Amino acid sequence: METVQIVLDMELLRATDQAARRMKRNRSALVREALREHLRRLEVRALEESDREGYSRLQLPHDESRLWEAEAAWPAE
């Protein structure tokens, strides 16, 4: 592993330390896990956008894809 330095505001640092204590992890492990999860979500979002663009190029009946769009949407974060 590499060591990196990041700058956090005091409120975010306190929240990070509290979460790390609750989860019985050290700060670095918590930040690594959070970063992995965020990157995974970004990848899923990019794949969904790519799928959406691909399907938008297809000649489908107007309402066919709209019926399923709400079912496929991720909840707001």
Protein backbone atom coordinates (compact mmCIF):
# COMPACT_ATOMS: atom_id res chain seq x y z
CA MET A 1 0.00 0.00 0.00
CA GLU A 2 1.01 3.57 -0.58
CA THR A 3 0.75 6.33 2.00
CA VAL A 4 -1.09 9.45 0.87
CA GLN A 5 -1.93 12.69 2.55
CA ILE A 6 -5.38 14.25 2.28
CA VAL A 7 -6.88 17.41 3.75
CA LEU A 8 -10.22 17.14 5.58
CA ASP A 9 -12.15 19.86 7.32
CA MET A 10 -12.52 19.37 11.06
CA GLU A 11 -16.20 18.35 10.88
CA LEU A 12 -15.51 15.63 8.31
CA LEU A 13 -12.51 14.39 10.30
CA ARG A 14 -14.59 14.13 13.48
CA ALA A 15 -17.37 12.28 11.66
CA THR A 16 -14.80 9.93 10.10
CA ASP A 17 -13.23 9.16 13.45
CA GLN A 18 -16.62 8.56 15.06
CA ALA A 19 -17.65 6.20 12.26
CA ALA A 20 -14.33 4.36 12.50
CA ARG A 21 -14.82 3.83 16.23
CA ARG A 22 -18.41 2.63 15.71
CA MET A 23 -17.28 0.17 13.04
CA LYS A 24 -14.21 -0.87 15.05
CA ARG A 25 -11.85 0.08 12.22
CA ASN A 26 -9.02 2.52 12.01
CA ARG A 27 -9.41 5.74 10.06
CA SER A 28 -7.42 4.52 7.06
CA ALA A 29 -9.49 1.34 6.72
CA LEU A 30 -12.71 3.34 6.87
CA VAL A 31 -11.52 5.83 4.22
CA ARG A 32 -10.32 2.99 1.95
CA GLU A 33 -13.68 1.24 2.23
CA ALA A 34 -15.61 4.47 1.59
CA LEU A 35 -13.46 5.30 -1.42
CA ARG A 36 -13.86 1.80 -2.90
CA GLU A 37 -17.64 2.03 -2.47
CA HIS A 38 -17.77 5.47 -4.06
CA LEU A 39 -15.67 4.34 -7.03
CA ARG A 40 -17.91 1.28 -7.46
CA ARG A 41 -20.99 3.52 -7.52
CA LEU A 42 -19.37 5.80 -10.09
CA GLU A 43 -18.65 2.79 -12.30
CA VAL A 44 -22.24 1.55 -11.99
CA ARG A 45 -23.50 5.04 -12.84
CA ALA A 46 -21.24 5.19 -15.91
CA LEU A 47 -22.42 1.75 -17.08
CA GLU A 48 -26.06 2.74 -16.60
CA GLU A 49 -25.50 5.93 -18.60
CA SER A 50 -23.81 3.94 -21.35
CA ASP A 51 -26.75 1.51 -21.44
CA ARG A 52 -29.21 4.39 -21.47
CA GLU A 53 -27.41 6.02 -24.41
CA GLY A 54 -27.31 2.73 -26.30
CA TYR A 55 -31.00 2.05 -25.79
CA SER A 56 -31.89 5.61 -26.74
CA ARG A 57 -30.45 4.94 -30.20
CA LEU A 58 -32.77 1.95 -30.73
CA GLN A 59 -36.06 2.37 -32.54
CA LEU A 60 -38.38 1.25 -29.73
CA PRO A 61 -42.05 2.11 -29.32
CA HIS A 62 -42.15 5.49 -27.56
CA ASP A 63 -43.41 4.29 -24.15
CA GLU A 64 -41.71 0.89 -23.93
CA SER A 65 -38.54 1.99 -22.16
CA ARG A 66 -40.34 4.61 -20.04
CA LEU A 67 -42.40 1.89 -18.34
CA TRP A 68 -39.26 0.36 -16.83
CA GLU A 69 -37.17 3.46 -16.20
CA ALA A 70 -38.62 4.11 -12.71
CA GLU A 71 -38.04 0.46 -11.79
CA ALA A 72 -34.38 0.63 -12.81
CA ALA A 73 -33.61 3.96 -11.08
CA TRP A 74 -31.33 3.95 -8.05
CA PRO A 75 -32.69 5.67 -4.95
CA ALA A 76 -31.45 9.18 -4.33
CA GLU A 77 -28.32 9.38 -2.19
